[in-house]
Amino acid sequence: MPDKKVKTVLMDAADIERALTRIAHEIIERNKGAASIALVGIKTRGEFLARRLAAKIAEFEKMPQPLPCGALDITLYRDDSAKNPVKPAGTTEIPFAL
């Protein structure tokens, strides 16, 4: 298989880190702190993003424990299921009230 050349780099690691930092600060500001925040990401990549944001928010707010973080499986609601084979639905994990 021939090597694929990268045509354009939209964001490098430093750009992504900076964007996550900015998003975390926006979440804190719009919610007037992090006391009542829980994050839920759409599986699978959104789950990782939510966990990274939760860690940043907890760090900025000097929280003794991480923010509640969950994952939502939308397998049954995808609009491209006709093109792709149907996968069994996974689990959804929603953090409960703080």
C-alpha atoms as a PDB file:
ATOM      1  CA  MET A   1       0.000   0.000   0.000  1.00  0.00           C
ATOM      2  CA  PRO A   2       1.519   3.383  -0.921  1.00  0.00           C
ATOM      3  CA  ASP A   3       2.239   5.903   1.798  1.00  0.00           C
ATOM      4  CA  LYS A   4      -0.475   8.495   2.157  1.00  0.00           C
ATOM      5  CA  LYS A   5       0.760  12.053   2.250  1.00  0.00           C
ATOM      6  CA  VAL A   6      -0.849  14.547   4.548  1.00  0.00           C
ATOM      7  CA  LYS A   7      -2.236  17.424   2.512  1.00  0.00           C
ATOM      8  CA  THR A   8      -3.336  19.714   5.312  1.00  0.00           C
ATOM      9  CA  VAL A   9      -3.000  19.655   9.065  1.00  0.00           C
ATOM     10  CA  LEU A  10      -6.036  21.364  10.579  1.00  0.00           C
ATOM     11  CA  MET A  11      -4.912  21.146  14.195  1.00  0.00           C
ATOM     12  CA  ASP A  12      -1.747  19.763  15.721  1.00  0.00           C
ATOM     13  CA  ALA A  13      -1.459  18.508  19.305  1.00  0.00           C
ATOM     14  CA  ALA A  14      -0.787  21.996  20.692  1.00  0.00           C
ATOM     15  CA  ASP A  15      -3.801  23.438  18.850  1.00  0.00           C
ATOM     16  CA  ILE A  16      -6.078  20.708  20.197  1.00  0.00           C
ATOM     17  CA  GLU A  17      -4.790  21.236  23.738  1.00  0.00           C
ATOM     18  CA  ARG A  18      -5.379  24.984  23.433  1.00  0.00           C
ATOM     19  CA  ALA A  19      -8.920  24.436  22.087  1.00  0.00           C
ATOM     20  CA  LEU A  20      -9.765  22.036  24.931  1.00  0.00           C
ATOM     21  CA  THR A  21      -8.456  24.549  27.462  1.00  0.00           C
ATOM     22  CA  ARG A  22     -10.598  27.289  25.967  1.00  0.00           C
ATOM     23  CA  ILE A  23     -13.701  25.086  25.859  1.00  0.00           C
ATOM     24  CA  ALA A  24     -13.153  24.049  29.496  1.00  0.00           C
ATOM     25  CA  HIS A  25     -12.904  27.698  30.560  1.00  0.00           C
ATOM     26  CA  GLU A  26     -16.070  28.554  28.606  1.00  0.00           C
ATOM     27  CA  ILE A  27     -17.966  25.740  30.326  1.00  0.00           C
ATOM     28  CA  ILE A  28     -16.816  26.973  33.744  1.00  0.00           C
ATOM     29  CA  GLU A  29     -17.717  30.597  32.974  1.00  0.00           C
ATOM     30  CA  ARG A  30     -21.162  29.854  31.541  1.00  0.00           C
ATOM     31  CA  ASN A  31     -22.034  27.649  34.516  1.00  0.00           C
ATOM     32  CA  LYS A  32     -20.557  30.017  37.125  1.00  0.00           C
ATOM     33  CA  GLY A  33     -18.183  27.314  38.353  1.00  0.00           C
ATOM     34  CA  ALA A  34     -18.103  23.563  38.096  1.00  0.00           C
ATOM     35  CA  ALA A  35     -20.117  22.538  41.144  1.00  0.00           C
ATOM     36  CA  SER A  36     -23.152  21.356  39.182  1.00  0.00           C
ATOM     37  CA  ILE A  37     -21.557  20.099  35.966  1.00  0.00           C
ATOM     38  CA  ALA A  38     -21.641  16.572  34.590  1.00  0.00           C
ATOM     39  CA  LEU A  39     -20.383  15.815  31.085  1.00  0.00           C
ATOM     40  CA  VAL A  40     -21.749  13.194  28.693  1.00  0.00           C
ATOM     41  CA  GLY A  41     -20.013  12.327  25.430  1.00  0.00           C
ATOM     42  CA  ILE A  42     -21.376  10.409  22.446  1.00  0.00           C
ATOM     43  CA  LYS A  43     -19.571   7.064  22.125  1.00  0.00           C
ATOM     44  CA  THR A  44     -16.829   6.497  21.262  1.00  0.00           C
ATOM     45  CA  ARG A  45     -14.742   9.535  20.460  1.00  0.00           C
ATOM     46  CA  GLY A  46     -17.028  11.990  22.227  1.00  0.00           C
ATOM     47  CA  GLU A  47     -16.625   9.953  25.383  1.00  0.00           C
ATOM     48  CA  PHE A  48     -12.848  10.522  25.312  1.00  0.00           C
ATOM     49  CA  LEU A  49     -13.351  14.218  24.614  1.00  0.00           C
ATOM     50  CA  ALA A  50     -15.780  14.559  27.559  1.00  0.00           C
ATOM     51  CA  ARG A  51     -13.287  12.860  29.876  1.00  0.00           C
ATOM     52  CA  ARG A  52     -10.466  15.151  28.757  1.00  0.00           C
ATOM     53  CA  LEU A  53     -12.661  18.210  29.305  1.00  0.00           C
ATOM     54  CA  ALA A  54     -13.756  16.900  32.712  1.00  0.00           C
ATOM     55  CA  ALA A  55     -10.117  16.502  33.749  1.00  0.00           C
ATOM     56  CA  LYS A  56      -9.250  20.034  32.604  1.00  0.00           C
ATOM     57  CA  ILE A  57     -12.241  21.559  34.391  1.00  0.00           C
ATOM     58  CA  ALA A  58     -11.409  19.695  37.611  1.00  0.00           C
ATOM     59  CA  GLU A  59      -7.800  20.882  37.335  1.00  0.00           C
ATOM     60  CA  PHE A  60      -8.751  24.539  36.778  1.00  0.00           C
ATOM     61  CA  GLU A  61     -11.297  24.497  39.589  1.00  0.00           C
ATOM     62  CA  LYS A  62      -8.938  22.610  41.945  1.00  0.00           C
ATOM     63  CA  MET A  63     -11.609  20.004  42.613  1.00  0.00           C
ATOM     64  CA  PRO A  64     -10.724  17.125  44.967  1.00  0.00           C
ATOM     65  CA  GLN A  65     -12.411  14.590  42.700  1.00  0.00           C
ATOM     66  CA  PRO A  66     -13.079  14.429  38.963  1.00  0.00           C
ATOM     67  CA  LEU A  67     -16.315  15.687  37.436  1.00  0.00           C
ATOM     68  CA  PRO A  68     -19.027  13.099  36.794  1.00  0.00           C
ATOM     69  CA  CYS A  69     -18.603  11.936  33.224  1.00  0.00           C
ATOM     70  CA  GLY A  70     -20.727   9.567  31.148  1.00  0.00           C
ATOM     71  CA  ALA A  71     -21.183   8.163  27.674  1.00  0.00           C
ATOM     72  CA  LEU A  72     -24.192   7.944  25.368  1.00  0.00           C
ATOM     73  CA  ASP A  73     -24.531   5.182  22.776  1.00  0.00           C
ATOM     74  CA  ILE A  74     -26.532   6.374  19.752  1.00  0.00           C
ATOM     75  CA  THR A  75     -26.176   3.200  17.666  1.00  0.00           C
ATOM     76  CA  LEU A  76     -29.932   2.730  17.303  1.00  0.00           C
ATOM     77  CA  TYR A  77     -30.465   6.331  16.163  1.00  0.00           C
ATOM     78  CA  ARG A  78     -27.832   6.636  13.433  1.00  0.00           C
ATOM     79  CA  ASP A  79     -29.057   7.745  10.025  1.00  0.00           C
ATOM     80  CA  ASP A  80     -26.372   5.815   8.137  1.00  0.00           C
ATOM     81  CA  SER A  81     -27.452   2.356   9.306  1.00  0.00           C
ATOM     82  CA  ALA A  82     -28.634   1.474   5.785  1.00  0.00           C
ATOM     83  CA  LYS A  83     -25.062   1.866   4.492  1.00  0.00           C
ATOM     84  CA  ASN A  84     -23.280   0.223   7.394  1.00  0.00           C
ATOM     85  CA  PRO A  85     -23.991  -3.117   9.007  1.00  0.00           C
ATOM     86  CA  VAL A  86     -25.989  -2.779  12.183  1.00  0.00           C
ATOM     87  CA  LYS A  87     -23.875  -3.184  15.299  1.00  0.00           C
ATOM     88  CA  PRO A  88     -25.389  -4.254  18.577  1.00  0.00           C
ATOM     89  CA  ALA A  89     -26.156  -1.325  20.831  1.00  0.00           C
ATOM     90  CA  GLY A  90     -23.608  -0.653  23.540  1.00  0.00           C
ATOM     91  CA  THR A  91     -24.114   0.699  27.001  1.00  0.00           C
ATOM     92  CA  THR A  92     -25.066   4.208  27.981  1.00  0.00           C
ATOM     93  CA  GLU A  93     -23.606   5.573  31.206  1.00  0.00           C
ATOM     94  CA  ILE A  94     -25.191   8.751  32.566  1.00  0.00           C
ATOM     95  CA  PRO A  95     -23.824  10.190  35.815  1.00  0.00           C
ATOM     96  CA  PHE A  96     -26.522  10.792  38.389  1.00  0.00           C
ATOM     97  CA  ALA A  97     -27.198  14.000  40.297  1.00  0.00           C
ATOM     98  CA  LEU A  98     -24.286  15.446  42.189  1.00  0.00           C
END
